[in-house]
Protein backbone atom coordinates (compact mmCIF):
# COMPACT_ATOMS: atom_id res chain seq x y z
CA MET A 1 -6.54 -7.72 19.59
CA LYS A 2 -8.81 -6.01 22.11
CA PHE A 3 -9.84 -2.48 23.01
CA TRP A 4 -9.91 -0.87 26.43
CA PHE A 5 -12.92 1.11 27.63
CA VAL A 6 -12.10 3.89 30.10
CA THR A 7 -14.87 5.93 31.71
CA GLY A 8 -14.20 9.41 33.03
CA SER A 9 -15.64 10.68 36.31
CA GLN A 10 -14.48 12.26 39.60
CA PHE A 11 -15.01 11.93 43.37
CA LEU A 12 -17.31 14.97 43.64
CA TYR A 13 -20.58 13.02 43.48
CA GLY A 14 -19.83 10.38 46.13
CA GLU A 15 -19.22 6.63 46.16
CA ASP A 16 -22.77 5.64 45.27
CA THR A 17 -22.61 7.59 42.03
CA ILE A 18 -19.21 6.12 41.16
CA ARG A 19 -20.55 2.59 41.68
CA GLN A 20 -23.47 3.36 39.40
CA VAL A 21 -21.14 4.83 36.77
CA GLU A 22 -19.08 1.63 36.84
CA ALA A 23 -22.18 -0.57 36.54
CA ASP A 24 -23.57 1.49 33.66
CA SER A 25 -20.20 1.42 31.88
CA LYS A 26 -19.94 -2.35 32.16
CA GLU A 27 -23.44 -2.70 30.74
CA ILE A 28 -22.53 -0.44 27.80
CA VAL A 29 -19.42 -2.51 27.07
CA ALA A 30 -21.38 -5.76 27.27
CA GLY A 31 -23.89 -4.37 24.78
CA LEU A 32 -21.36 -3.50 22.11
CA LYS A 33 -21.46 -6.04 19.26
CA LEU A 34 -18.20 -5.36 17.45
CA PRO A 35 -15.67 -7.28 15.34
CA PHE A 36 -13.02 -7.03 18.08
CA PRO A 37 -13.64 -7.38 21.84
CA VAL A 38 -13.91 -4.40 24.17
CA GLU A 39 -12.83 -4.70 27.81
CA TYR A 40 -13.99 -2.32 30.53
CA LYS A 41 -10.88 -1.25 32.44
CA LEU A 42 -11.85 1.36 35.02
CA THR A 43 -13.68 4.52 35.89
CA ALA A 44 -10.88 7.06 36.04
CA LYS A 45 -11.18 9.73 38.71
CA THR A 46 -7.65 11.13 39.04
CA ASN A 47 -4.64 12.19 37.01
CA ALA A 48 -2.67 9.27 38.43
CA GLU A 49 -5.27 6.68 37.39
CA ILE A 50 -5.44 8.02 33.86
CA THR A 51 -1.67 8.20 33.47
CA GLN A 52 -1.27 4.65 34.75
CA ILE A 53 -3.91 3.14 32.47
CA VAL A 54 -2.39 4.87 29.44
CA ARG A 55 1.04 3.49 30.34
CA GLU A 56 -0.43 0.02 30.56
CA ALA A 57 -2.24 0.41 27.23
CA ASN A 58 0.94 1.57 25.51
CA TYR A 59 2.87 -1.51 26.61
CA ASP A 60 0.14 -4.12 26.18
CA ASP A 61 0.68 -5.80 22.81
CA GLU A 62 -2.95 -6.96 22.66
CA CYS A 63 -4.42 -3.50 23.28
CA ALA A 64 -5.25 -2.00 19.88
CA GLY A 65 -6.69 1.26 21.21
CA ILE A 66 -8.70 2.95 23.94
CA ILE A 67 -12.31 4.10 23.99
CA THR A 68 -13.15 6.91 26.41
CA PHE A 69 -16.56 8.03 27.66
CA CYS A 70 -17.25 10.65 30.31
CA HIS A 71 -20.41 9.42 32.04
CA THR A 72 -20.27 12.29 34.52
CA PHE A 73 -18.21 15.47 34.54
CA SER A 74 -14.51 14.54 34.31
CA PRO A 75 -12.28 17.65 34.61
CA SER A 76 -10.08 17.54 31.54
CA LYS A 77 -6.89 18.85 33.12
CA MET A 78 -6.49 15.51 34.85
CA TRP A 79 -6.41 13.84 31.41
CA ILE A 80 -3.50 15.91 30.07
CA ASN A 81 -0.56 13.87 31.36
CA GLY A 82 -2.07 10.57 30.27
CA LEU A 83 -3.17 11.70 26.82
CA ALA A 84 0.22 13.35 26.22
CA MET A 85 1.87 9.93 26.40
CA LEU A 86 -0.83 7.93 24.59
CA GLN A 87 0.63 5.87 21.75
CA LYS A 88 -2.45 3.84 20.83
CA PRO A 89 -5.44 4.93 18.71
CA TRP A 90 -8.11 6.85 20.61
CA LEU A 91 -11.87 6.90 20.10
CA HIS A 92 -13.98 9.39 22.06
CA PHE A 93 -17.41 7.79 22.41
CA HIS A 94 -19.93 10.57 23.02
CA THR A 95 -22.90 8.61 24.24
CA GLN A 96 -25.23 8.44 27.24
CA TYR A 97 -26.43 5.54 29.37
CA ASN A 98 -30.14 6.40 28.97
CA GLU A 99 -31.64 7.12 25.58
CA THR A 100 -34.38 9.52 26.73
CA ILE A 101 -34.94 11.98 29.58
CA PRO A 102 -37.36 10.46 32.14
CA ASN A 103 -40.07 13.02 32.88
CA GLU A 104 -40.77 12.13 36.51
CA ALA A 105 -37.48 10.50 37.50
CA ILE A 106 -35.28 13.41 36.52
CA ASP A 107 -33.96 15.32 39.53
CA MET A 108 -30.60 16.71 40.56
CA ASP A 109 -29.28 13.24 41.44
CA TYR A 110 -30.19 12.06 37.95
CA MET A 111 -28.55 15.18 36.49
CA ASN A 112 -25.36 14.60 38.45
CA LEU A 113 -25.15 11.00 37.25
CA HIS A 114 -26.00 11.46 33.56
CA GLN A 115 -23.66 14.24 32.48
CA SER A 116 -22.07 13.08 29.24
CA ALA A 117 -23.53 16.15 27.52
CA HIS A 118 -21.44 18.04 30.05
CA GLY A 119 -18.48 15.75 30.69
CA ASP A 120 -17.86 14.73 27.10
CA ARG A 121 -17.69 18.36 26.03
CA GLU A 122 -15.00 18.99 28.61
CA HIS A 123 -13.26 15.85 27.37
CA GLY A 124 -13.64 16.94 23.76
CA PHE A 125 -12.09 20.30 24.51
CA ILE A 126 -8.86 18.84 25.85
CA GLY A 127 -8.54 16.58 22.81
CA ALA A 128 -8.93 19.60 20.53
CA ARG A 129 -6.66 21.75 22.70
CA MET A 130 -3.89 19.12 22.62
CA ARG A 131 -4.34 18.62 18.84
CA MET A 132 -4.74 14.90 19.50
CA PRO A 133 -5.57 12.64 16.55
CA ARG A 134 -8.81 10.99 17.57
CA THR A 135 -12.07 9.69 16.20
CA VAL A 136 -15.32 10.93 17.69
CA VAL A 137 -18.45 8.79 17.51
CA ALA A 138 -21.67 10.36 18.79
CA GLY A 139 -24.94 8.54 19.40
CA TYR A 140 -26.83 6.15 21.63
CA TRP A 141 -24.73 3.09 22.43
CA LYS A 142 -27.45 0.55 21.54
CA ASP A 143 -27.96 2.01 18.06
CA PRO A 144 -26.56 -0.44 15.43
CA ALA A 145 -25.53 2.46 13.18
CA VAL A 146 -23.49 3.95 16.02
CA GLN A 147 -21.87 0.61 16.76
CA ALA A 148 -21.02 0.26 13.07
CA GLN A 149 -19.01 3.49 13.30
CA ILE A 150 -17.08 2.09 16.25
CA ALA A 151 -16.50 -1.13 14.30
CA ASP A 152 -15.00 0.87 11.43
CA TRP A 153 -12.66 2.64 13.82
CA GLN A 154 -11.67 -0.69 15.36
CA ARG A 155 -10.63 -2.01 11.96
CA ALA A 156 -8.58 1.11 11.27
CA ALA A 157 -6.93 0.85 14.69
CA VAL A 158 -6.10 -2.83 14.18
CA GLY A 159 -4.59 -1.92 10.81
CA ALA A 160 -2.53 0.82 12.44
CA LEU A 161 -1.23 -1.49 15.17
CA PHE A 162 -0.48 -4.16 12.56
CA SER A 163 1.32 -1.55 10.46
CA LYS A 164 3.59 -0.48 13.29
CA SER A 165 5.11 -3.96 13.54
CA LEU A 166 4.91 -5.00 9.88
CA LYS A 167 7.92 -6.58 8.20
CA VAL A 168 8.13 -6.80 4.41
CA VAL A 169 10.49 -9.22 2.67
CA ARG A 170 11.70 -8.14 -0.75
CA PHE A 171 13.03 -10.96 -2.91
CA GLY A 172 15.26 -8.95 -5.22
CA ASP A 173 14.86 -5.27 -6.02
CA ASN A 174 12.29 -3.16 -7.85
CA MET A 175 11.59 -3.56 -11.54
CA ARG A 176 14.23 -1.53 -13.34
CA GLU A 177 13.48 2.10 -14.25
CA VAL A 178 10.04 2.12 -12.57
CA ALA A 179 9.41 5.23 -10.46
CA VAL A 180 6.21 4.69 -8.49
CA THR A 181 7.36 1.49 -6.77
CA GLU A 182 10.36 3.34 -5.34
CA GLY A 183 10.15 5.24 -2.07
CA ASP A 184 11.91 6.36 1.08
CA LYS A 185 12.02 3.25 3.27
CA VAL A 186 13.49 5.13 6.22
CA GLU A 187 10.73 7.76 6.23
CA THR A 188 8.15 5.04 5.72
CA GLN A 189 9.40 3.14 8.76
CA ILE A 190 9.29 6.35 10.83
CA VAL A 191 5.70 7.07 9.77
CA MET A 192 4.16 3.64 9.14
CA GLY A 193 6.42 1.39 11.19
CA TRP A 194 7.27 -0.94 8.30
CA GLN A 195 10.60 -2.76 8.26
CA VAL A 196 11.33 -3.24 4.57
CA ASN A 197 14.43 -5.26 3.72
CA THR A 198 15.81 -7.38 0.90
CA TRP A 199 16.53 -11.10 0.84
CA ALA A 200 18.53 -12.53 -2.03
CA VAL A 201 16.70 -14.72 -4.51
CA GLY A 202 19.46 -17.22 -3.84
CA ASP A 203 18.28 -17.47 -0.24
CA LEU A 204 14.84 -18.39 -1.51
CA VAL A 205 16.26 -20.98 -3.91
CA LYS A 206 18.21 -22.61 -1.06
CA GLU A 207 15.00 -22.81 0.96
CA MET A 208 13.18 -24.31 -2.01
CA ASP A 209 15.80 -27.05 -2.22
CA LYS A 210 14.97 -28.05 1.37
CA VAL A 211 11.27 -28.63 0.67
CA THR A 212 10.35 -32.33 0.70
CA GLU A 213 8.06 -34.17 -1.68
CA ALA A 214 5.80 -35.08 1.24
CA GLU A 215 5.36 -31.40 2.09
CA ILE A 216 4.49 -30.68 -1.53
CA ASP A 217 1.97 -33.56 -1.53
CA THR A 218 0.20 -32.04 1.47
CA LEU A 219 -0.04 -28.59 -0.07
CA VAL A 220 -1.23 -29.96 -3.43
CA LYS A 221 -4.06 -31.74 -1.59
CA GLU A 222 -4.98 -28.37 -0.09
CA TYR A 223 -5.01 -26.87 -3.59
CA GLU A 224 -7.31 -29.68 -4.76
CA SER A 225 -9.76 -28.99 -1.91
CA LEU A 226 -9.99 -25.28 -2.74
CA TYR A 227 -9.54 -25.04 -6.49
CA THR A 228 -10.38 -26.95 -9.67
CA ILE A 229 -7.31 -28.55 -11.21
CA ALA A 230 -7.68 -27.70 -14.91
CA THR A 231 -4.27 -28.86 -16.12
CA ASP A 232 -2.37 -32.09 -16.67
CA ASP A 233 0.93 -30.35 -15.95
CA MET A 234 1.17 -31.30 -12.29
CA ASP A 235 4.92 -30.73 -12.32
CA SER A 236 4.28 -26.98 -12.67
CA VAL A 237 1.66 -27.10 -9.91
CA ARG A 238 4.08 -28.93 -7.63
CA TYR A 239 6.82 -26.43 -8.42
CA GLN A 240 4.51 -23.61 -7.33
CA ALA A 241 3.85 -25.51 -4.12
CA ARG A 242 7.59 -25.78 -3.55
CA GLU A 243 7.93 -22.02 -4.04
CA GLU A 244 5.04 -21.29 -1.69
CA ILE A 245 6.39 -23.46 1.11
CA ALA A 246 9.83 -21.87 0.82
CA ILE A 247 8.50 -18.31 0.71
CA GLU A 248 6.28 -18.88 3.74
CA ARG A 249 9.12 -20.45 5.71
CA ILE A 250 11.18 -17.32 5.23
CA LEU A 251 8.24 -15.07 6.07
CA VAL A 252 7.50 -17.00 9.27
CA ARG A 253 11.14 -17.10 10.27
CA GLU A 254 11.49 -13.35 9.81
CA GLY A 255 8.10 -12.53 11.36
CA ALA A 256 7.02 -10.92 8.07
CA LYS A 257 3.47 -10.61 6.74
CA ALA A 258 4.17 -9.21 3.26
CA PHE A 259 6.56 -9.84 0.41
CA SER A 260 7.46 -8.72 -3.09
CA ASN A 261 9.38 -10.15 -6.01
CA THR A 262 10.10 -9.28 -9.63
CA PHE A 263 10.19 -11.23 -12.88
CA GLN A 264 13.53 -9.52 -13.62
CA ASP A 265 15.23 -11.30 -10.72
CA LEU A 266 14.44 -15.02 -10.72
CA TYR A 267 18.00 -16.33 -10.77
CA GLY A 268 17.99 -20.06 -10.03
CA MET A 269 14.17 -20.34 -10.24
CA LYS A 270 12.24 -22.09 -12.99
CA GLN A 271 9.00 -20.12 -12.65
CA LEU A 272 7.76 -16.80 -11.44
CA PRO A 273 5.62 -17.51 -8.33
CA GLY A 274 2.02 -17.35 -9.51
CA LEU A 275 -0.21 -19.85 -7.74
CA ALA A 276 2.25 -19.62 -4.85
CA SER A 277 1.75 -15.87 -4.42
CA GLN A 278 -2.01 -16.13 -4.91
CA HIS A 279 -2.46 -18.82 -2.28
CA LEU A 280 -0.24 -16.97 0.19
CA MET A 281 -2.44 -13.88 -0.25
CA SER A 282 -5.49 -16.01 0.50
CA LYS A 283 -3.84 -16.83 3.85
CA GLY A 284 -3.54 -13.13 4.72
CA TYR A 285 -0.10 -12.25 3.43
CA GLY A 286 0.41 -9.06 1.46
CA PHE A 287 2.03 -9.17 -1.98
CA GLY A 288 3.43 -6.66 -4.43
CA ALA A 289 4.72 -7.44 -7.91
CA GLU A 290 7.85 -5.94 -9.47
CA GLY A 291 9.27 -5.13 -6.06
CA ASP A 292 6.28 -2.97 -5.03
CA TRP A 293 6.75 -3.15 -1.27
CA LYS A 294 4.27 -0.33 -0.54
CA THR A 295 1.35 -2.15 -2.18
CA ALA A 296 2.45 -5.42 -0.58
CA ALA A 297 2.32 -3.78 2.85
CA MET A 298 -1.04 -2.08 2.27
CA THR A 299 -2.54 -5.37 1.07
CA ALA A 300 -1.40 -7.05 4.28
CA ILE A 301 -2.78 -4.21 6.42
CA ILE A 302 -6.25 -4.31 4.86
CA LYS A 303 -6.29 -8.10 5.15
CA ALA A 304 -5.53 -7.66 8.86
CA MET A 305 -8.47 -5.27 9.15
CA TYR A 306 -10.78 -7.77 7.39
CA PRO A 307 -9.39 -11.28 8.02
CA ASP A 308 -12.26 -12.93 6.13
CA GLY A 309 -12.70 -10.17 3.57
CA GLN A 310 -12.15 -9.77 -0.14
CA THR A 311 -8.88 -7.93 -0.74
CA SER A 312 -6.24 -8.35 -3.42
CA PHE A 313 -3.19 -6.90 -5.03
CA MET A 314 -4.37 -5.47 -8.35
CA GLU A 315 -3.17 -3.61 -11.42
CA ASP A 316 -5.00 -1.43 -13.93
CA TYR A 317 -4.21 -3.11 -17.23
CA THR A 318 -6.24 -1.69 -20.09
CA TYR A 319 -9.37 0.37 -20.84
CA ASP A 320 -12.58 -0.16 -22.71
CA TYR A 321 -13.58 3.38 -23.65
CA LYS A 322 -16.80 2.26 -25.32
CA HIS A 323 -18.18 0.48 -22.23
CA GLU A 324 -16.32 2.77 -19.82
CA LEU A 325 -14.62 -0.04 -17.92
CA ILE A 326 -11.13 -0.73 -16.59
CA LEU A 327 -9.75 -4.25 -16.91
CA GLY A 328 -7.86 -5.08 -13.74
CA SER A 329 -5.56 -8.06 -13.57
CA HIS A 330 -1.91 -8.99 -13.38
CA MET A 331 0.41 -11.46 -15.03
CA LEU A 332 -0.40 -14.02 -12.34
CA GLU A 333 -0.88 -12.63 -8.89
CA VAL A 334 -4.51 -11.81 -8.00
CA CYS A 335 -5.90 -13.09 -4.69
CA PRO A 336 -8.67 -15.72 -4.95
CA SER A 337 -10.55 -14.01 -2.11
CA ILE A 338 -12.16 -11.77 -4.75
CA ALA A 339 -13.23 -14.64 -7.04
CA ALA A 340 -16.86 -14.85 -8.10
CA ASP A 341 -16.68 -18.64 -8.55
CA ARG A 342 -14.34 -21.51 -7.74
CA PRO A 343 -10.90 -20.67 -9.21
CA ARG A 344 -9.18 -22.98 -11.67
CA ILE A 345 -5.51 -23.92 -11.64
CA GLU A 346 -4.14 -23.66 -15.14
CA VAL A 347 -0.67 -23.62 -16.71
CA HIS A 348 0.12 -21.25 -19.56
CA LYS A 349 3.12 -19.61 -21.11
CA LEU A 350 4.08 -16.27 -19.60
CA GLY A 351 5.28 -13.80 -22.21
CA ILE A 352 7.65 -12.02 -19.84
CA GLY A 353 10.52 -13.07 -17.60
CA GLY A 354 11.93 -15.83 -19.81
CA LYS A 355 11.04 -18.73 -17.51
CA GLU A 356 8.91 -21.87 -17.69
CA PRO A 357 5.10 -21.59 -17.97
CA PRO A 358 3.85 -21.12 -14.40
CA ALA A 359 0.72 -22.52 -12.79
CA ARG A 360 -1.74 -19.87 -11.75
CA LEU A 361 -5.32 -19.40 -10.54
CA VAL A 362 -7.72 -18.23 -13.24
CA PHE A 363 -11.08 -16.69 -12.30
CA GLU A 364 -13.42 -13.75 -12.80
CA GLY A 365 -13.65 -11.22 -10.00
CA ARG A 366 -16.93 -10.73 -8.17
CA ALA A 367 -19.29 -7.85 -8.84
CA GLY A 368 -19.88 -5.22 -6.18
CA THR A 369 -18.77 -1.87 -4.82
CA ALA A 370 -15.14 -1.61 -3.83
CA LYS A 371 -12.22 0.74 -3.36
CA ALA A 372 -8.96 0.93 -5.25
CA LEU A 373 -6.21 2.17 -2.94
CA SER A 374 -2.72 3.33 -3.73
CA LEU A 375 -0.04 4.47 -1.29
CA ILE A 376 2.57 6.63 -2.98
CA ASP A 377 5.67 8.49 -1.91
CA ALA A 378 4.77 12.08 -2.75
CA GLY A 379 8.23 13.40 -1.94
CA GLY A 380 8.83 13.93 1.75
CA ARG A 381 5.47 12.40 2.69
CA LEU A 382 3.16 9.51 1.99
CA ARG A 383 -0.17 9.97 0.22
CA LEU A 384 -2.96 7.41 0.42
CA ILE A 385 -5.32 7.58 -2.56
CA ALA A 386 -8.71 5.86 -2.30
CA GLN A 387 -11.08 5.73 -5.25
CA ASP A 388 -14.61 4.35 -5.17
CA VAL A 389 -15.20 1.81 -7.94
CA THR A 390 -17.99 -0.50 -9.03
CA CYS A 391 -16.81 -3.96 -10.07
CA GLU A 392 -18.81 -5.75 -12.74
CA LYS A 393 -18.88 -9.17 -14.29
CA PRO A 394 -16.73 -8.93 -17.43
CA PHE A 395 -18.91 -8.65 -20.53
CA GLN A 396 -16.39 -10.65 -22.59
CA THR A 397 -15.04 -14.17 -22.08
CA MET A 398 -11.48 -13.25 -23.18
CA PRO A 399 -10.60 -16.93 -23.92
CA ASN A 400 -6.98 -16.12 -24.79
CA LEU A 401 -6.30 -14.24 -21.54
CA PRO A 402 -5.81 -17.02 -18.94
CA VAL A 403 -5.40 -14.86 -15.85
CA ALA A 404 -7.51 -13.79 -12.89
CA ARG A 405 -9.25 -10.53 -13.76
CA THR A 406 -12.04 -8.16 -12.95
CA MET A 407 -13.60 -5.05 -14.47
CA TRP A 408 -14.66 -1.88 -12.70
CA ARG A 409 -16.05 1.60 -13.27
CA PRO A 410 -14.25 4.36 -11.41
CA GLN A 411 -16.09 7.25 -9.78
CA PRO A 412 -17.16 9.98 -10.25
CA SER A 413 -17.36 8.91 -13.91
CA PHE A 414 -15.11 6.98 -16.22
CA LEU A 415 -13.17 9.85 -17.77
CA GLU A 416 -13.25 12.13 -14.75
CA GLY A 417 -12.19 9.22 -12.58
CA LEU A 418 -9.21 8.47 -14.83
CA LYS A 419 -8.24 12.13 -14.83
CA CYS A 420 -8.46 12.43 -11.05
CA TRP A 421 -6.34 9.32 -10.50
CA ILE A 422 -3.63 10.69 -12.79
CA ILE A 423 -3.72 14.14 -11.17
CA ALA A 424 -3.35 12.61 -7.70
CA GLY A 425 -0.35 10.52 -8.84
CA GLY A 426 -2.00 7.16 -8.19
CA ALA A 427 0.09 4.12 -9.10
CA HIS A 428 -0.75 1.41 -11.61
CA HIS A 429 -0.61 -1.09 -8.74
CA THR A 430 -3.44 -0.91 -6.22
CA VAL A 431 -5.10 -2.75 -3.40
CA LEU A 432 -8.64 -3.67 -4.40
CA SER A 433 -10.89 -4.11 -1.37
CA TYR A 434 -14.60 -4.91 -1.35
CA ASN A 435 -14.78 -4.33 2.40
CA ILE A 436 -13.04 -1.16 3.45
CA THR A 437 -15.31 1.84 4.06
CA ASP A 438 -14.86 5.60 3.91
CA ASP A 439 -14.72 5.82 7.70
CA VAL A 440 -12.05 3.13 7.96
CA VAL A 441 -9.89 4.85 5.35
CA ARG A 442 -10.24 8.22 7.06
CA ASP A 443 -9.63 6.81 10.53
CA PHE A 444 -6.55 4.91 9.36
CA ALA A 445 -5.04 7.97 7.67
CA ARG A 446 -5.78 10.07 10.75
CA ILE A 447 -4.17 7.56 13.10
CA MET A 448 -1.08 7.21 10.90
CA GLY A 449 -0.81 10.94 10.25
CA ILE A 450 -0.64 10.65 6.46
CA GLU A 451 -2.27 12.58 3.65
CA LEU A 452 -5.52 11.12 2.32
CA VAL A 453 -7.00 11.77 -1.11
CA CYS A 454 -10.51 10.40 -1.67
CA ILE A 455 -11.97 10.17 -5.17
CA ASN A 456 -15.70 9.55 -5.09
CA ALA A 457 -19.00 10.57 -6.67
CA ASP A 458 -18.57 14.17 -5.53
CA THR A 459 -15.00 14.65 -6.78
CA THR A 460 -14.08 16.82 -9.74
CA ALA A 461 -10.67 17.43 -11.22
CA VAL A 462 -10.96 21.09 -10.24
CA SER A 463 -11.81 20.35 -6.60
CA LEU A 464 -9.12 17.68 -6.44
CA GLU A 465 -6.41 20.04 -7.65
CA ARG A 466 -7.43 22.51 -4.95
CA ASP A 467 -7.33 19.77 -2.30
CA LEU A 468 -3.89 18.68 -3.45
CA MET A 469 -2.58 22.24 -3.15
CA LEU A 470 -3.96 22.37 0.39
CA GLY A 471 -2.25 19.05 1.06
CA ASP A 472 1.05 20.55 -0.05
CA ILE A 473 0.59 23.32 2.52
CA ILE A 474 -0.47 21.00 5.33
CA TYR A 475 1.95 18.13 4.76
CA GLY A 476 4.81 19.99 3.06
CA ARG A 477 6.21 19.47 -0.39
C-alpha cells in the first residue's frame, strides 16, 4: 500500500517557479514519517494532467489514496473532471513549504511561489462545492502532530481499500433466532465492498481430512514457541491445529480474510474451533462467532489498519455493578494480540454445542485505553458505533472460568455508557481495539459513507438520542 502526493500549480509563474514547486514538494514527501509510504507523483498544472493521474490512481491496486497540496495558486475548475471520477480516499494537506515569513527575503517572487494560503483555499472550495468526502489536515509539514493526523488518515484509507475487496467465509449460518448478527449482505457489499458467502461445514470437514500429521506437527511446534502448553491432552491441541490448517486453506483459496462459524452447525466436527480461531486472528484474519459476519469483517479491517496492533473479536458477557466493570470474553475465541502475558493452551469442557472439550488460549487482557466498535444494520443503512473504554486488569482470579477475558469501564460513566450503547443499538459482539483513534474512526466512516455514532466522555443519553434522530434524517430510516 502506498499513497500518491499530487501538488497543484499552474503555468502562470514560469518554469523556474514550477521547478522550485516540484523540488519543495519532493522534500515535503521525503520528510513525512508515516506508517505507509508516500510517493510524489507530479505537479499538476492542467485539467488533462489531473484527470490522467486520477485515472491511474483509480486503477492502481497499490494506491490507497491521494494527498493533494496546492503550493501555488491552482485554479480549481481544472480539478473538477479529475475529482469527479476519483474512487480512492482523498486527503487535502493544507500546509506550506516554509514555516515562517522571512522578513527580508519576502518579495513578490516569494509571494508567487508560497501561495498555499491562497491556492489551498481555492482547492478547498471545489471540494466543498462538489460535496466530496475528504479529510483536511492543516499545519506545518514537519510538525509531528500534523504528521500523526496524516498517519491516522492513512490507516483509515488502508482499511477502506481493504474493505472494498474483502471476502468473508461463513461456515454455516447465523445462530438461530439472533437478530443483530443478521443484515442485508447485498446492501453491505454495495456500501462496504464485502463479499459474504456461505461454505458448508462439510466442505471444511473434507479439508480437515486432507491435513497430514506432518503439517499438524509443524503447527504444534509454532504453538509451543508462542504459548505455554498447560495441558496433557495433546490430541485436542492437535485437533485444533487440524481445524486451523483446513480453515486457512479455504480462506487462502477463496482470497478471504475473515470467517465466521457457529456452535449450532458443527456437523462432522469433534470440536468447536477455539485455539484454531484464536491463532488465525493473531495472523490478521477477522473472526465472528455465531455467524456474525459483520464483526468478523470489521475485525479484519482494523487488523489491516494496524498489522502489529492489539485487536480482537470480543463479547460483553456480564457486569459487576459494584465495581462498575464489564467482563468481556467469549466461549473460546479472543485474539492473543490483546494478552497481558504469555497465553496458556488449556483444554476444558465447553457447556454449549455438545462436542468434545476444545483446546483454547487462556489469558488476561492487557490494561489500557481502547475502543469497542460495533457495526450494525440499522435498517436500510449501516451504523458504526464506537465507544471509548478503559481496560483494567481483572480484580478477581476467576479460577473456574478458563477463557481469555478482560474487563473495561465504558465512557462516559458505567451506567450512562451502558444506557448509550443500548440506545444506539450496539451489538453484544464487538471489535476491541487498543490502537484505533477517534480520527481513524471518523475518517473511515467518512470514506465509506456510513453513519458514525461515537460514545465518549462528553456523551449523554439525551445528546445521543438527538444525534440519532439527526442520523435518521441524514441517512434515512
